[in-house]
């Protein structure tokens, strides 16, 4: 004898009315599931950015990602500190520079006492444009003159921190040239 397929037992009810209602309910639930799956896949696709945009919307907020990426490396900081203290043993103080998009800042730091001795910036000088080489030169010249007044003659140039390292060109080079012109031994 041949085997024939029979519907599951929950579809076949006690009466024909009951099985018809179950069939309708099953069809409606299936349609709802298909519609939900279609809508979720359509809303995940953003026309301007494609699926990559949808994935970025589902990921963690930007600030949470940035806090993970911006963590400081304690070993790098320790290495820099050792380098600075070794340079200080030669009798030189640290000439530090910070360059932003709009201004430049410089300071001479005593690492043994953890004190800033002299500082100058394009903000302090109230220059019209603090983001060019001439402004950096003037800031360096001012810093060098203030250091000479305090009796500081020898410094070493520190262009590196735990987060960034400036290349020696452009505004940074002009800043150091200004300190040299003022009489500092860099």
Protein backbone atom coordinates (compact mmCIF):
# COMPACT_ATOMS: atom_id res chain seq x y z
CA UNK A 1 0.00 0.00 0.00
CA UNK A 2 1.22 3.56 -0.60
CA UNK A 3 1.72 6.20 2.10
CA UNK A 4 -0.18 9.47 1.75
CA UNK A 5 0.48 12.78 3.42
CA UNK A 6 -1.93 13.90 6.17
CA UNK A 7 -2.06 17.34 7.80
CA UNK A 8 -0.83 17.66 11.38
CA UNK A 9 -3.27 16.75 14.07
CA UNK A 10 -3.78 20.36 15.31
CA UNK A 11 -5.02 21.44 11.85
CA UNK A 12 -7.64 18.73 11.79
CA UNK A 13 -10.13 19.74 14.40
CA UNK A 14 -13.22 18.29 15.88
CA UNK A 15 -15.43 20.06 13.39
CA UNK A 16 -14.94 21.52 9.96
CA UNK A 17 -15.56 25.07 11.27
CA UNK A 18 -12.71 24.77 13.78
CA UNK A 19 -10.19 23.58 11.18
CA UNK A 20 -11.21 26.36 8.78
CA UNK A 21 -10.64 28.99 11.50
CA UNK A 22 -7.20 27.51 12.30
CA UNK A 23 -6.25 27.57 8.63
CA UNK A 24 -7.22 31.26 8.37
CA UNK A 25 -5.30 32.11 11.56
CA UNK A 26 -2.22 30.27 10.31
CA UNK A 27 -2.37 32.08 6.96
CA UNK A 28 -2.74 35.50 8.65
CA UNK A 29 0.16 34.82 11.03
CA UNK A 30 2.37 33.72 8.14
CA UNK A 31 1.52 36.88 6.20
CA UNK A 32 2.31 39.06 9.23
CA UNK A 33 5.69 37.36 9.67
CA UNK A 34 6.57 37.81 5.99
CA UNK A 35 5.51 41.47 6.12
CA UNK A 36 7.56 42.11 9.28
CA UNK A 37 10.65 40.50 7.77
CA UNK A 38 10.24 42.53 4.58
CA UNK A 39 9.81 45.82 6.45
CA UNK A 40 12.80 45.22 8.69
CA UNK A 41 15.05 44.48 5.73
CA UNK A 42 13.76 47.52 3.81
CA UNK A 43 14.20 49.90 6.75
CA UNK A 44 17.73 48.60 7.30
CA UNK A 45 18.67 49.62 3.79
CA UNK A 46 19.25 53.38 3.56
CA UNK A 47 19.46 54.54 -0.08
CA UNK A 48 22.16 57.17 0.52
CA UNK A 49 24.56 54.88 2.38
CA UNK A 50 23.42 51.35 1.57
CA UNK A 51 23.71 48.62 4.17
CA UNK A 52 26.83 50.19 5.71
CA UNK A 53 24.72 53.10 6.94
CA UNK A 54 22.27 50.73 8.56
CA UNK A 55 25.06 48.90 10.34
CA UNK A 56 26.48 52.16 11.71
CA UNK A 57 23.03 53.05 13.06
CA UNK A 58 22.86 49.75 14.89
CA UNK A 59 26.36 50.03 16.39
CA UNK A 60 27.28 51.78 19.64
CA UNK A 61 27.06 55.57 19.87
CA UNK A 62 30.05 57.53 18.57
CA UNK A 63 31.05 58.79 22.02
CA UNK A 64 31.27 55.25 23.39
CA UNK A 65 33.52 54.22 20.49
CA UNK A 66 35.72 57.29 20.93
CA UNK A 67 36.30 56.65 24.62
CA UNK A 68 37.60 53.20 23.80
CA UNK A 69 39.90 54.42 21.01
CA UNK A 70 41.23 57.43 22.89
CA UNK A 71 42.58 55.48 25.86
CA UNK A 72 46.11 56.43 26.83
CA UNK A 73 48.90 53.92 26.70
CA UNK A 74 50.58 53.86 30.14
CA UNK A 75 53.73 52.20 28.80
CA UNK A 76 54.20 54.91 26.20
CA UNK A 77 53.69 57.59 28.83
CA UNK A 78 56.27 55.94 31.10
CA UNK A 79 58.77 55.74 28.24
CA UNK A 80 58.30 59.44 27.46
CA UNK A 81 58.66 60.36 31.13
CA UNK A 82 61.95 58.45 31.39
CA UNK A 83 63.21 60.18 28.27
CA UNK A 84 62.32 63.59 29.68
CA UNK A 85 63.94 62.93 33.05
CA UNK A 86 67.09 61.68 31.34
CA UNK A 87 67.24 64.89 29.29
CA UNK A 88 66.70 66.92 32.46
CA UNK A 89 69.79 65.33 34.04
CA UNK A 90 71.87 67.15 31.42
CA UNK A 91 70.71 70.46 32.90
CA UNK A 92 68.09 71.27 30.28
CA UNK A 93 64.46 72.14 30.86
CA UNK A 94 61.71 71.02 28.52
CA UNK A 95 60.36 73.30 25.80
CA UNK A 96 56.90 71.99 24.98
CA UNK A 97 54.74 73.09 22.06
CA UNK A 98 51.04 72.58 21.37
CA UNK A 99 49.61 73.42 17.98
CA UNK A 100 45.86 73.74 17.41
CA UNK A 101 44.09 74.72 14.21
CA UNK A 102 43.80 78.36 15.28
CA UNK A 103 46.64 78.99 17.75
CA UNK A 104 50.05 77.86 18.98
CA UNK A 105 51.11 77.51 22.62
CA UNK A 106 54.57 77.05 24.13
CA UNK A 107 55.86 76.50 27.63
CA UNK A 108 59.06 75.66 29.45
CA UNK A 109 58.57 72.97 32.09
CA UNK A 110 60.69 71.73 34.97
CA UNK A 111 59.91 68.00 35.09
CA UNK A 112 61.55 67.37 38.47
CA UNK A 113 59.33 69.88 40.26
CA UNK A 114 56.36 69.41 37.90
CA UNK A 115 56.06 73.17 37.36
CA UNK A 116 55.61 75.35 34.33
CA UNK A 117 58.17 78.14 34.49
CA UNK A 118 57.41 80.23 31.39
CA UNK A 119 54.50 80.23 28.96
CA UNK A 120 53.48 82.09 25.80
CA UNK A 121 50.76 81.70 23.21
CA UNK A 122 49.20 83.43 20.25
CA UNK A 123 46.10 83.94 22.39
CA UNK A 124 48.14 85.72 25.06
CA UNK A 125 49.76 87.98 22.44
CA UNK A 126 46.31 88.75 20.93
CA UNK A 127 47.54 88.28 17.37
CA UNK A 128 45.13 88.79 14.47
CA UNK A 129 45.88 85.39 13.02
CA UNK A 130 47.46 82.85 15.35
CA UNK A 131 47.56 79.99 12.90
CA UNK A 132 50.41 81.01 10.58
CA UNK A 133 54.20 80.79 10.67
CA UNK A 134 54.78 84.43 11.52
CA UNK A 135 52.55 84.15 14.60
CA UNK A 136 54.43 81.02 15.68
CA UNK A 137 57.73 82.87 15.26
CA UNK A 138 56.48 85.77 17.42
CA UNK A 139 55.25 83.39 20.12
CA UNK A 140 58.63 81.63 20.14
CA UNK A 141 60.45 84.95 20.35
CA UNK A 142 58.27 86.07 23.27
CA UNK A 143 58.78 82.77 25.08
CA UNK A 144 62.55 82.95 24.57
CA UNK A 145 62.70 86.52 25.91
CA UNK A 146 60.65 85.59 28.98
CA UNK A 147 62.90 82.57 29.60
CA UNK A 148 66.03 84.73 29.34
CA UNK A 149 64.54 87.12 31.92
CA UNK A 150 64.11 84.16 34.32
CA UNK A 151 67.68 82.97 33.73
CA UNK A 152 66.87 79.94 31.57
CA UNK A 153 69.43 79.39 28.82
CA UNK A 154 69.36 75.71 27.83
CA UNK A 155 66.24 73.77 26.91
CA UNK A 156 65.45 70.67 24.91
CA UNK A 157 62.62 70.67 22.43
CA UNK A 158 59.78 68.26 23.17
CA UNK A 159 57.41 67.87 20.23
CA UNK A 160 55.89 64.60 21.41
CA UNK A 161 53.24 63.68 23.97
CA UNK A 162 51.32 60.52 24.68
CA UNK A 163 48.73 61.47 22.03
CA UNK A 164 50.55 63.22 19.22
CA UNK A 165 53.95 63.90 17.71
CA UNK A 166 54.44 67.02 15.64
CA UNK A 167 56.68 66.96 12.60
CA UNK A 168 59.45 69.56 12.65
CA UNK A 169 58.23 71.84 9.87
CA UNK A 170 55.86 74.74 9.34
CA UNK A 171 54.59 76.47 12.45
CA UNK A 172 56.52 74.19 14.82
CA UNK A 173 59.82 74.95 13.06
CA UNK A 174 59.05 78.71 13.09
CA UNK A 175 58.26 78.52 16.80
CA UNK A 176 61.65 76.97 17.58
CA UNK A 177 63.41 79.46 15.27
CA UNK A 178 61.84 82.28 17.30
CA UNK A 179 63.10 80.84 20.58
CA UNK A 180 66.60 80.49 19.09
CA UNK A 181 66.55 84.08 17.88
CA UNK A 182 65.64 85.22 21.39
CA UNK A 183 68.81 83.56 22.66
CA UNK A 184 67.73 80.17 23.96
CA UNK A 185 70.00 77.18 23.34
CA UNK A 186 67.63 74.56 21.92
